[in-house]
Amino acid sequence: MFCLNVNHWNIIIIIIIIIIIITNIRFIINNKQLRVSRLFCCFCRAPKPPNDEVVSLRQSLKKLLECTTGQLAFREFLKTEYSEENILFWLVCEEYKTITSNTEMAEAAKRIYTEFVQVDAPRQINIDCETRQEITNSMSQPTVSCFDKAQRVIYKLMKKDSYPRFLQSEIYQALLEPSDAS
């Protein structure tokens, strides 16, 4: 028979106390992290924007895209719908329009075309064949406006399809939750 003496019981009690202490420490740490996380965006760990800024994202897709927090939140949402390429394409087109050097423009146009436009591109956007062909034809001498039509198509797609669902999403709703700092 197995018999426990006083020393064994002391060791068992000490082990139980250590387990209780460790469990309580984890609980305290987790609660503190939960409180702290409410002060930050759920997706980028940047300081949470003011609630009026978050509410303003409801005004329009244009307003959302003008806001860095809006862009990040919308991008996270689009990832969940497997359509992140839409916002990435739209943003890269906005950046492309600022290029002034013809050499840089040609290089950037080729990168955009390869990444988003060509058939079987890694992040192929959903545009009609005619628009895709117009862009393909312009790649020999790209202009500032060579992606404009495709960018408008993608903007309309996001505005009519993804943006309304984003406003109902858990990602947007989490941004609306008040932080503990207020």
N, C-alpha and C. Protein backbone atom coordinates (compact mmCIF):
# COMPACT_ATOMS: atom_id res chain seq x y z
N MET A 1 0.83 -1.19 0.00
CA MET A 1 0.00 0.00 0.00
C MET A 1 0.87 1.25 0.00
N PHE A 2 0.32 2.21 -0.69
CA PHE A 2 1.01 3.48 -0.76
C PHE A 2 0.53 4.35 0.39
N CYS A 3 1.46 4.87 1.14
CA CYS A 3 1.10 5.65 2.32
C CYS A 3 1.79 7.01 2.23
N LEU A 4 1.03 8.06 2.50
CA LEU A 4 1.60 9.41 2.47
C LEU A 4 1.91 9.86 3.88
N ASN A 5 3.13 10.32 4.08
CA ASN A 5 3.45 10.87 5.39
C ASN A 5 3.30 12.39 5.35
N VAL A 6 3.60 13.04 6.41
CA VAL A 6 3.41 14.48 6.55
C VAL A 6 4.21 15.24 5.51
N ASN A 7 5.43 14.81 5.21
CA ASN A 7 6.26 15.49 4.22
C ASN A 7 5.61 15.46 2.83
N HIS A 8 5.04 14.32 2.48
CA HIS A 8 4.36 14.22 1.18
C HIS A 8 3.18 15.19 1.11
N TRP A 9 2.40 15.27 2.17
CA TRP A 9 1.25 16.18 2.19
C TRP A 9 1.71 17.63 2.07
N ASN A 10 2.78 17.98 2.71
CA ASN A 10 3.31 19.35 2.62
C ASN A 10 3.71 19.68 1.18
N ILE A 11 4.35 18.74 0.52
CA ILE A 11 4.75 18.95 -0.88
C ILE A 11 3.52 19.10 -1.77
N ILE A 12 2.52 18.28 -1.58
CA ILE A 12 1.29 18.35 -2.38
C ILE A 12 0.60 19.70 -2.16
N ILE A 13 0.54 20.15 -0.92
CA ILE A 13 -0.10 21.44 -0.61
C ILE A 13 0.67 22.58 -1.26
N ILE A 14 1.99 22.52 -1.19
CA ILE A 14 2.81 23.57 -1.82
C ILE A 14 2.58 23.59 -3.33
N ILE A 15 2.53 22.45 -3.96
CA ILE A 15 2.27 22.37 -5.41
C ILE A 15 0.91 22.96 -5.74
N ILE A 16 -0.10 22.63 -4.96
CA ILE A 16 -1.45 23.17 -5.20
C ILE A 16 -1.44 24.70 -5.06
N ILE A 17 -0.76 25.22 -4.05
CA ILE A 17 -0.68 26.67 -3.85
C ILE A 17 0.02 27.33 -5.03
N ILE A 18 1.09 26.73 -5.51
CA ILE A 18 1.81 27.28 -6.67
C ILE A 18 0.89 27.30 -7.89
N ILE A 19 0.15 26.24 -8.10
CA ILE A 19 -0.78 26.19 -9.25
C ILE A 19 -1.83 27.29 -9.13
N ILE A 20 -2.37 27.50 -7.94
CA ILE A 20 -3.38 28.55 -7.73
C ILE A 20 -2.77 29.92 -7.99
N ILE A 21 -1.57 30.15 -7.51
CA ILE A 21 -0.91 31.45 -7.72
C ILE A 21 -0.67 31.68 -9.20
N ILE A 22 -0.15 30.70 -9.90
CA ILE A 22 0.12 30.84 -11.34
C ILE A 22 -1.18 31.11 -12.09
N THR A 23 -2.24 30.39 -11.75
CA THR A 23 -3.53 30.59 -12.40
C THR A 23 -4.04 32.01 -12.16
N ASN A 24 -3.92 32.51 -10.94
CA ASN A 24 -4.37 33.87 -10.64
C ASN A 24 -3.54 34.91 -11.37
N ILE A 25 -2.23 34.68 -11.45
CA ILE A 25 -1.37 35.63 -12.17
C ILE A 25 -1.78 35.67 -13.65
N ARG A 26 -2.01 34.51 -14.26
CA ARG A 26 -2.45 34.48 -15.66
C ARG A 26 -3.76 35.23 -15.82
N PHE A 27 -4.70 35.03 -14.89
CA PHE A 27 -5.99 35.69 -14.96
C PHE A 27 -5.82 37.21 -14.89
N ILE A 28 -4.98 37.69 -13.98
CA ILE A 28 -4.73 39.13 -13.84
C ILE A 28 -4.09 39.67 -15.10
N ILE A 29 -3.09 38.97 -15.61
CA ILE A 29 -2.42 39.42 -16.83
C ILE A 29 -3.39 39.45 -18.00
N ASN A 30 -4.18 38.41 -18.17
CA ASN A 30 -5.15 38.36 -19.28
C ASN A 30 -6.17 39.48 -19.16
N ASN A 31 -6.66 39.76 -17.96
CA ASN A 31 -7.62 40.85 -17.79
C ASN A 31 -6.99 42.19 -18.09
N LYS A 32 -5.76 42.39 -17.67
CA LYS A 32 -5.06 43.64 -17.96
C LYS A 32 -4.87 43.78 -19.47
N GLN A 33 -4.50 42.69 -20.16
CA GLN A 33 -4.34 42.74 -21.62
C GLN A 33 -5.67 43.06 -22.28
N LEU A 34 -6.76 42.50 -21.78
CA LEU A 34 -8.07 42.77 -22.35
C LEU A 34 -8.41 44.24 -22.22
N ARG A 35 -8.17 44.81 -21.03
CA ARG A 35 -8.46 46.23 -20.85
C ARG A 35 -7.58 47.09 -21.74
N VAL A 36 -6.31 46.77 -21.86
CA VAL A 36 -5.40 47.53 -22.70
C VAL A 36 -5.79 47.40 -24.17
N SER A 37 -6.18 46.20 -24.60
CA SER A 37 -6.48 46.00 -26.02
C SER A 37 -7.66 46.84 -26.48
N ARG A 38 -8.55 47.20 -25.58
CA ARG A 38 -9.68 48.04 -25.98
C ARG A 38 -9.26 49.46 -26.32
N LEU A 39 -8.06 49.83 -25.93
CA LEU A 39 -7.55 51.16 -26.24
C LEU A 39 -6.92 51.21 -27.63
N PHE A 40 -6.78 50.04 -28.26
CA PHE A 40 -6.11 49.96 -29.54
C PHE A 40 -7.03 49.36 -30.58
N CYS A 41 -6.74 49.65 -31.85
CA CYS A 41 -7.47 49.02 -32.94
C CYS A 41 -7.30 47.52 -32.85
N CYS A 42 -8.33 46.80 -33.21
CA CYS A 42 -8.29 45.34 -33.10
C CYS A 42 -7.39 44.71 -34.15
N PHE A 43 -6.96 45.43 -35.16
CA PHE A 43 -6.22 44.83 -36.26
C PHE A 43 -4.84 45.41 -36.46
N CYS A 44 -4.57 46.61 -35.98
CA CYS A 44 -3.27 47.21 -36.28
C CYS A 44 -2.49 47.60 -35.04
N ARG A 45 -3.07 47.47 -33.88
CA ARG A 45 -2.43 47.80 -32.61
C ARG A 45 -2.04 49.27 -32.52
N ALA A 46 -2.56 50.09 -33.42
CA ALA A 46 -2.35 51.53 -33.33
C ALA A 46 -3.36 52.09 -32.33
N PRO A 47 -3.11 53.28 -31.79
CA PRO A 47 -4.10 53.84 -30.88
C PRO A 47 -5.46 53.91 -31.56
N LYS A 48 -6.48 53.58 -30.78
CA LYS A 48 -7.84 53.56 -31.31
C LYS A 48 -8.26 54.98 -31.67
N PRO A 49 -8.85 55.16 -32.86
CA PRO A 49 -9.26 56.50 -33.27
C PRO A 49 -10.44 56.98 -32.44
N PRO A 50 -10.65 58.29 -32.40
CA PRO A 50 -11.82 58.80 -31.68
C PRO A 50 -13.11 58.24 -32.28
N ASN A 51 -14.12 58.08 -31.45
CA ASN A 51 -15.37 57.46 -31.89
C ASN A 51 -16.03 58.26 -33.01
N ASP A 52 -15.91 59.59 -32.98
CA ASP A 52 -16.53 60.38 -34.05
C ASP A 52 -15.86 60.10 -35.40
N GLU A 53 -14.57 59.80 -35.38
CA GLU A 53 -13.87 59.44 -36.62
C GLU A 53 -14.37 58.08 -37.13
N VAL A 54 -14.55 57.15 -36.21
CA VAL A 54 -15.05 55.81 -36.58
C VAL A 54 -16.46 55.92 -37.15
N VAL A 55 -17.31 56.72 -36.51
CA VAL A 55 -18.69 56.91 -36.99
C VAL A 55 -18.68 57.56 -38.37
N SER A 56 -17.74 58.48 -38.61
CA SER A 56 -17.68 59.17 -39.90
C SER A 56 -17.37 58.22 -41.06
N LEU A 57 -16.81 57.04 -40.76
CA LEU A 57 -16.53 56.08 -41.82
C LEU A 57 -17.81 55.58 -42.48
N ARG A 58 -18.94 55.76 -41.81
CA ARG A 58 -20.25 55.36 -42.37
C ARG A 58 -20.73 56.29 -43.47
N GLN A 59 -20.17 57.48 -43.54
CA GLN A 59 -20.66 58.48 -44.49
C GLN A 59 -20.52 58.01 -45.93
N SER A 60 -19.37 57.46 -46.25
CA SER A 60 -19.15 57.01 -47.63
C SER A 60 -17.86 56.21 -47.71
N LEU A 61 -17.75 55.45 -48.78
CA LEU A 61 -16.50 54.73 -49.04
C LEU A 61 -15.37 55.72 -49.25
N LYS A 62 -15.67 56.84 -49.90
CA LYS A 62 -14.66 57.87 -50.13
C LYS A 62 -14.08 58.35 -48.80
N LYS A 63 -14.95 58.62 -47.84
CA LYS A 63 -14.52 59.07 -46.52
C LYS A 63 -13.66 57.99 -45.84
N LEU A 64 -14.08 56.74 -45.96
CA LEU A 64 -13.33 55.63 -45.38
C LEU A 64 -11.93 55.55 -45.97
N LEU A 65 -11.83 55.69 -47.29
CA LEU A 65 -10.53 55.57 -47.96
C LEU A 65 -9.62 56.76 -47.70
N GLU A 66 -10.16 57.86 -47.22
CA GLU A 66 -9.35 59.03 -46.87
C GLU A 66 -8.71 58.88 -45.49
N CYS A 67 -9.17 57.89 -44.74
CA CYS A 67 -8.75 57.70 -43.35
C CYS A 67 -7.87 56.46 -43.25
N THR A 68 -6.70 56.60 -42.67
CA THR A 68 -5.78 55.47 -42.53
C THR A 68 -6.41 54.33 -41.73
N THR A 69 -7.07 54.67 -40.64
CA THR A 69 -7.74 53.64 -39.84
C THR A 69 -8.81 52.95 -40.66
N GLY A 70 -9.56 53.74 -41.42
CA GLY A 70 -10.60 53.17 -42.28
C GLY A 70 -10.01 52.21 -43.30
N GLN A 71 -8.92 52.61 -43.92
CA GLN A 71 -8.25 51.75 -44.89
C GLN A 71 -7.82 50.43 -44.25
N LEU A 72 -7.20 50.52 -43.08
CA LEU A 72 -6.72 49.31 -42.40
C LEU A 72 -7.87 48.40 -42.00
N ALA A 73 -8.92 48.98 -41.47
CA ALA A 73 -10.08 48.18 -41.05
C ALA A 73 -10.74 47.53 -42.25
N PHE A 74 -10.93 48.30 -43.32
CA PHE A 74 -11.58 47.78 -44.52
C PHE A 74 -10.72 46.68 -45.15
N ARG A 75 -9.42 46.87 -45.13
CA ARG A 75 -8.51 45.86 -45.67
C ARG A 75 -8.64 44.55 -44.88
N GLU A 76 -8.68 44.65 -43.56
CA GLU A 76 -8.85 43.45 -42.74
C GLU A 76 -10.17 42.76 -43.06
N PHE A 77 -11.22 43.56 -43.26
CA PHE A 77 -12.51 42.98 -43.62
C PHE A 77 -12.43 42.28 -44.97
N LEU A 78 -11.81 42.93 -45.95
CA LEU A 78 -11.70 42.34 -47.29
C LEU A 78 -10.89 41.04 -47.26
N LYS A 79 -9.93 40.97 -46.36
CA LYS A 79 -9.17 39.71 -46.21
C LYS A 79 -10.13 38.58 -45.85
N THR A 80 -11.09 38.86 -44.99
CA THR A 80 -12.03 37.81 -44.58
C THR A 80 -12.92 37.38 -45.72
N GLU A 81 -13.07 38.24 -46.72
CA GLU A 81 -13.90 37.92 -47.89
C GLU A 81 -13.06 37.51 -49.09
N TYR A 82 -11.78 37.35 -48.87
CA TYR A 82 -10.84 36.96 -49.94
C TYR A 82 -10.90 37.94 -51.11
N SER A 83 -10.99 39.22 -50.80
CA SER A 83 -10.99 40.23 -51.86
C SER A 83 -10.11 41.43 -51.49
N GLU A 84 -9.06 41.16 -50.74
CA GLU A 84 -8.13 42.20 -50.32
C GLU A 84 -7.49 42.91 -51.52
N GLU A 85 -7.39 42.19 -52.64
CA GLU A 85 -6.75 42.77 -53.82
C GLU A 85 -7.45 44.05 -54.28
N ASN A 86 -8.73 44.19 -53.98
CA ASN A 86 -9.46 45.39 -54.42
C ASN A 86 -8.91 46.66 -53.78
N ILE A 87 -8.79 46.66 -52.47
CA ILE A 87 -8.27 47.87 -51.82
C ILE A 87 -6.79 48.07 -52.13
N LEU A 88 -6.05 46.97 -52.22
CA LEU A 88 -4.62 47.10 -52.55
C LEU A 88 -4.44 47.72 -53.93
N PHE A 89 -5.24 47.27 -54.89
CA PHE A 89 -5.17 47.83 -56.24
C PHE A 89 -5.56 49.31 -56.21
N TRP A 90 -6.65 49.63 -55.54
CA TRP A 90 -7.12 51.01 -55.49
C TRP A 90 -6.03 51.91 -54.89
N LEU A 91 -5.42 51.46 -53.80
CA LEU A 91 -4.39 52.26 -53.14
C LEU A 91 -3.14 52.42 -54.01
N VAL A 92 -2.73 51.34 -54.66
CA VAL A 92 -1.53 51.43 -55.50
C VAL A 92 -1.79 52.34 -56.71
N CYS A 93 -3.01 52.37 -57.18
CA CYS A 93 -3.35 53.29 -58.28
C CYS A 93 -3.28 54.74 -57.81
N GLU A 94 -3.73 54.99 -56.59
CA GLU A 94 -3.63 56.35 -56.05
C GLU A 94 -2.17 56.78 -55.95
N GLU A 95 -1.34 55.87 -55.51
CA GLU A 95 0.09 56.16 -55.41
C GLU A 95 0.71 56.34 -56.80
N TYR A 96 0.29 55.53 -57.74
CA TYR A 96 0.79 55.59 -59.12
C TYR A 96 0.55 56.96 -59.73
N LYS A 97 -0.59 57.56 -59.44
CA LYS A 97 -0.94 58.87 -60.01
C LYS A 97 -0.01 59.98 -59.55
N THR A 98 0.76 59.75 -58.50
CA THR A 98 1.67 60.78 -58.00
C THR A 98 3.06 60.72 -58.64
N ILE A 99 3.31 59.69 -59.43
CA ILE A 99 4.63 59.52 -60.05
C ILE A 99 4.79 60.51 -61.20
N THR A 100 5.93 61.18 -61.22
CA THR A 100 6.18 62.18 -62.26
C THR A 100 7.22 61.73 -63.29
N SER A 101 8.13 60.86 -62.88
CA SER A 101 9.17 60.40 -63.78
C SER A 101 8.62 59.31 -64.72
N ASN A 102 8.87 59.47 -66.03
CA ASN A 102 8.40 58.47 -67.00
C ASN A 102 9.02 57.09 -66.76
N THR A 103 10.26 57.07 -66.36
CA THR A 103 10.93 55.79 -66.09
C THR A 103 10.28 55.09 -64.89
N GLU A 104 10.09 55.84 -63.82
CA GLU A 104 9.44 55.28 -62.63
C GLU A 104 8.01 54.85 -62.94
N MET A 105 7.32 55.65 -63.76
CA MET A 105 5.94 55.33 -64.12
C MET A 105 5.88 54.00 -64.89
N ALA A 106 6.80 53.82 -65.83
CA ALA A 106 6.82 52.58 -66.62
C ALA A 106 7.09 51.37 -65.71
N GLU A 107 8.03 51.52 -64.77
CA GLU A 107 8.35 50.42 -63.85
C GLU A 107 7.16 50.11 -62.94
N ALA A 108 6.54 51.15 -62.41
CA ALA A 108 5.39 50.97 -61.51
C ALA A 108 4.21 50.36 -62.27
N ALA A 109 3.99 50.82 -63.48
CA ALA A 109 2.88 50.28 -64.29
C ALA A 109 3.08 48.80 -64.54
N LYS A 110 4.29 48.41 -64.82
CA LYS A 110 4.59 46.99 -65.06
C LYS A 110 4.32 46.16 -63.79
N ARG A 111 4.75 46.70 -62.64
CA ARG A 111 4.51 45.99 -61.36
C ARG A 111 3.00 45.85 -61.09
N ILE A 112 2.26 46.92 -61.30
CA ILE A 112 0.81 46.89 -61.06
C ILE A 112 0.15 45.91 -62.01
N TYR A 113 0.54 45.97 -63.26
CA TYR A 113 -0.02 45.07 -64.27
C TYR A 113 0.25 43.61 -63.90
N THR A 114 1.49 43.32 -63.54
CA THR A 114 1.89 41.95 -63.20
C THR A 114 1.19 41.45 -61.93
N GLU A 115 1.03 42.31 -60.97
CA GLU A 115 0.45 41.92 -59.68
C GLU A 115 -1.08 41.82 -59.70
N PHE A 116 -1.74 42.73 -60.47
CA PHE A 116 -3.19 42.84 -60.36
C PHE A 116 -3.98 42.64 -61.66
N VAL A 117 -3.42 42.96 -62.79
CA VAL A 117 -4.23 43.06 -64.01
C VAL A 117 -4.11 41.85 -64.92
N GLN A 118 -2.92 41.39 -65.19
CA GLN A 118 -2.77 40.31 -66.18
C GLN A 118 -3.55 39.07 -65.74
N VAL A 119 -3.96 38.30 -66.72
CA VAL A 119 -4.68 37.06 -66.43
C VAL A 119 -3.78 36.16 -65.58
N ASP A 120 -4.33 35.58 -64.55
CA ASP A 120 -3.61 34.74 -63.59
C ASP A 120 -2.60 35.50 -62.75
N ALA A 121 -2.80 36.81 -62.58
CA ALA A 121 -1.94 37.59 -61.69
C ALA A 121 -2.13 37.09 -60.26
N PRO A 122 -1.11 37.22 -59.41
CA PRO A 122 -1.24 36.74 -58.02
C PRO A 122 -2.43 37.34 -57.28
N ARG A 123 -2.73 38.60 -57.57
CA ARG A 123 -3.88 39.28 -56.94
C ARG A 123 -4.80 39.84 -58.02
N GLN A 124 -5.16 39.02 -58.93
CA GLN A 124 -5.95 39.45 -60.08
C GLN A 124 -7.27 40.11 -59.65
N ILE A 125 -7.49 41.31 -60.16
CA ILE A 125 -8.73 42.03 -59.85
C ILE A 125 -9.82 41.60 -60.83
N ASN A 126 -11.05 41.82 -60.42
CA ASN A 126 -12.20 41.42 -61.20
C ASN A 126 -12.65 42.58 -62.10
N ILE A 127 -12.09 42.62 -63.30
CA ILE A 127 -12.49 43.65 -64.28
C ILE A 127 -12.86 42.94 -65.58
N ASP A 128 -13.61 43.68 -66.40
CA ASP A 128 -14.06 43.09 -67.67
C ASP A 128 -12.89 42.95 -68.64
N CYS A 129 -13.07 42.10 -69.63
CA CYS A 129 -12.01 41.80 -70.63
C CYS A 129 -11.59 43.03 -71.41
N GLU A 130 -12.54 43.89 -71.72
CA GLU A 130 -12.24 45.10 -72.50
C GLU A 130 -11.29 46.01 -71.72
N THR A 131 -11.58 46.23 -70.45
CA THR A 131 -10.72 47.08 -69.61
C THR A 131 -9.34 46.45 -69.46
N ARG A 132 -9.30 45.15 -69.23
CA ARG A 132 -8.03 44.44 -69.10
C ARG A 132 -7.20 44.60 -70.38
N GLN A 133 -7.86 44.48 -71.53
CA GLN A 133 -7.15 44.60 -72.82
C GLN A 133 -6.64 46.02 -73.04
N GLU A 134 -7.43 47.01 -72.65
CA GLU A 134 -6.99 48.42 -72.79
C GLU A 134 -5.72 48.65 -71.97
N ILE A 135 -5.69 48.10 -70.78
CA ILE A 135 -4.50 48.27 -69.93
C ILE A 135 -3.32 47.52 -70.56
N THR A 136 -3.55 46.32 -71.02
CA THR A 136 -2.50 45.53 -71.67
C THR A 136 -1.90 46.32 -72.84
N ASN A 137 -2.75 46.91 -73.65
CA ASN A 137 -2.29 47.68 -74.80
C ASN A 137 -1.48 48.92 -74.39
N SER A 138 -1.80 49.48 -73.24
CA SER A 138 -1.11 50.70 -72.81
C SER A 138 0.23 50.43 -72.12
N MET A 139 0.56 49.18 -71.89
CA MET A 139 1.79 48.86 -71.15
C MET A 139 3.06 49.20 -71.92
N SER A 140 2.99 49.32 -73.22
CA SER A 140 4.20 49.71 -73.98
C SER A 140 4.58 51.16 -73.68
N GLN A 141 3.57 52.01 -73.44
CA GLN A 141 3.82 53.41 -73.06
C GLN A 141 2.74 53.84 -72.06
N PRO A 142 2.92 53.43 -70.80
CA PRO A 142 1.90 53.73 -69.80
C PRO A 142 1.78 55.23 -69.51
N THR A 143 0.56 55.65 -69.26
CA THR A 143 0.29 57.04 -68.91
C THR A 143 -0.21 57.09 -67.47
N VAL A 144 -0.33 58.30 -66.94
CA VAL A 144 -0.84 58.49 -65.59
C VAL A 144 -2.26 57.91 -65.46
N SER A 145 -3.01 57.93 -66.53
CA SER A 145 -4.41 57.50 -66.47
C SER A 145 -4.67 56.07 -66.95
N CYS A 146 -3.63 55.31 -67.21
CA CYS A 146 -3.85 53.98 -67.81
C CYS A 146 -4.63 53.01 -66.92
N PHE A 147 -4.64 53.24 -65.61
CA PHE A 147 -5.39 52.35 -64.71
C PHE A 147 -6.70 52.97 -64.23
N ASP A 148 -7.02 54.19 -64.68
CA ASP A 148 -8.19 54.91 -64.18
C ASP A 148 -9.50 54.13 -64.33
N LYS A 149 -9.72 53.57 -65.51
CA LYS A 149 -10.98 52.87 -65.74
C LYS A 149 -11.09 51.65 -64.81
N ALA A 150 -10.03 50.90 -64.70
CA ALA A 150 -10.03 49.72 -63.81
C ALA A 150 -10.21 50.16 -62.36
N GLN A 151 -9.59 51.25 -61.98
CA GLN A 151 -9.72 51.74 -60.61
C GLN A 151 -11.18 52.15 -60.33
N ARG A 152 -11.83 52.77 -61.29
CA ARG A 152 -13.26 53.12 -61.12
C ARG A 152 -14.13 51.87 -60.98
N VAL A 153 -13.84 50.86 -61.79
CA VAL A 153 -14.59 49.59 -61.71
C VAL A 153 -14.44 48.98 -60.32
N ILE A 154 -13.23 48.94 -59.82
CA ILE A 154 -12.96 48.35 -58.50
C ILE A 154 -13.60 49.20 -57.39
N TYR A 155 -13.55 50.50 -57.53
CA TYR A 155 -14.18 51.38 -56.55
C TYR A 155 -15.69 51.12 -56.49
N LYS A 156 -16.32 51.03 -57.65
CA LYS A 156 -17.76 50.75 -57.70
C LYS A 156 -18.08 49.40 -57.07
N LEU A 157 -17.25 48.42 -57.35
CA LEU A 157 -17.43 47.08 -56.78
C LEU A 157 -17.36 47.14 -55.25
N MET A 158 -16.36 47.82 -54.73
CA MET A 158 -16.23 47.93 -53.28
C MET A 158 -17.40 48.72 -52.69
N LYS A 159 -17.78 49.80 -53.36
CA LYS A 159 -18.85 50.67 -52.85
C LYS A 159 -20.19 49.94 -52.77
N LYS A 160 -20.52 49.22 -53.82
CA LYS A 160 -21.84 48.56 -53.89
C LYS A 160 -21.87 47.22 -53.16
N ASP A 161 -20.75 46.54 -53.11
CA ASP A 161 -20.73 45.17 -52.61
C ASP A 161 -20.11 45.06 -51.21
N SER A 162 -18.84 45.38 -51.09
CA SER A 162 -18.10 45.12 -49.85
C SER A 162 -18.36 46.16 -48.76
N TYR A 163 -18.42 47.42 -49.13
CA TYR A 163 -18.56 48.49 -48.14
C TYR A 163 -19.82 48.35 -47.27
N PRO A 164 -21.00 48.08 -47.84
CA PRO A 164 -22.17 47.90 -46.97
C PRO A 164 -22.01 46.73 -45.99
N ARG A 165 -21.38 45.66 -46.43
CA ARG A 165 -21.15 44.51 -45.53
C ARG A 165 -20.12 44.86 -44.47
N PHE A 166 -19.13 45.65 -44.84
CA PHE A 166 -18.12 46.09 -43.88
C PHE A 166 -18.77 46.83 -42.71
N LEU A 167 -19.72 47.71 -43.01
CA LEU A 167 -20.38 48.48 -41.96
C LEU A 167 -21.16 47.60 -40.98
N GLN A 168 -21.53 46.41 -41.42
CA GLN A 168 -22.23 45.46 -40.56
C GLN A 168 -21.27 44.45 -39.89
N SER A 169 -20.01 44.50 -40.28
CA SER A 169 -19.05 43.48 -39.85
C SER A 169 -18.62 43.64 -38.40
N GLU A 170 -18.11 42.55 -37.85
CA GLU A 170 -17.56 42.57 -36.49
C GLU A 170 -16.36 43.51 -36.40
N ILE A 171 -15.60 43.61 -37.47
CA ILE A 171 -14.42 44.48 -37.47
C ILE A 171 -14.83 45.93 -37.25
N TYR A 172 -15.83 46.40 -38.00
CA TYR A 172 -16.28 47.77 -37.83
C TYR A 172 -16.97 47.94 -36.47
N GLN A 173 -17.77 46.99 -36.08
CA GLN A 173 -18.47 47.06 -34.79
C GLN A 173 -17.48 47.13 -33.63
N ALA A 174 -16.36 46.42 -33.74
CA ALA A 174 -15.34 46.45 -32.69
C ALA A 174 -14.71 47.84 -32.58
N LEU A 175 -14.58 48.52 -33.71
CA LEU A 175 -14.05 49.88 -33.68
C LEU A 175 -15.01 50.84 -32.97
N LEU A 176 -16.30 50.54 -33.07
CA LEU A 176 -17.29 51.41 -32.45
C LEU A 176 -17.36 51.27 -30.93
N GLU A 177 -16.87 50.13 -30.40
CA GLU A 177 -16.92 49.90 -28.96
C GLU A 177 -16.10 50.97 -28.24
N PRO A 178 -16.67 51.54 -27.18
CA PRO A 178 -15.91 52.57 -26.45
C PRO A 178 -14.71 51.95 -25.76
N SER A 179 -13.63 52.72 -25.67
CA SER A 179 -12.44 52.23 -24.98
C SER A 179 -12.59 52.50 -23.49
N ASP A 180 -11.78 51.82 -22.69
CA ASP A 180 -11.82 52.01 -21.23
C ASP A 180 -11.24 53.36 -20.82
N ALA A 181 -10.56 54.04 -21.73
CA ALA A 181 -9.92 55.32 -21.40
C ALA A 181 -10.96 56.42 -21.27
N SER A 182 -12.13 56.23 -21.88
CA SER A 182 -13.12 57.32 -21.85
C SER A 182 -13.98 57.28 -20.62
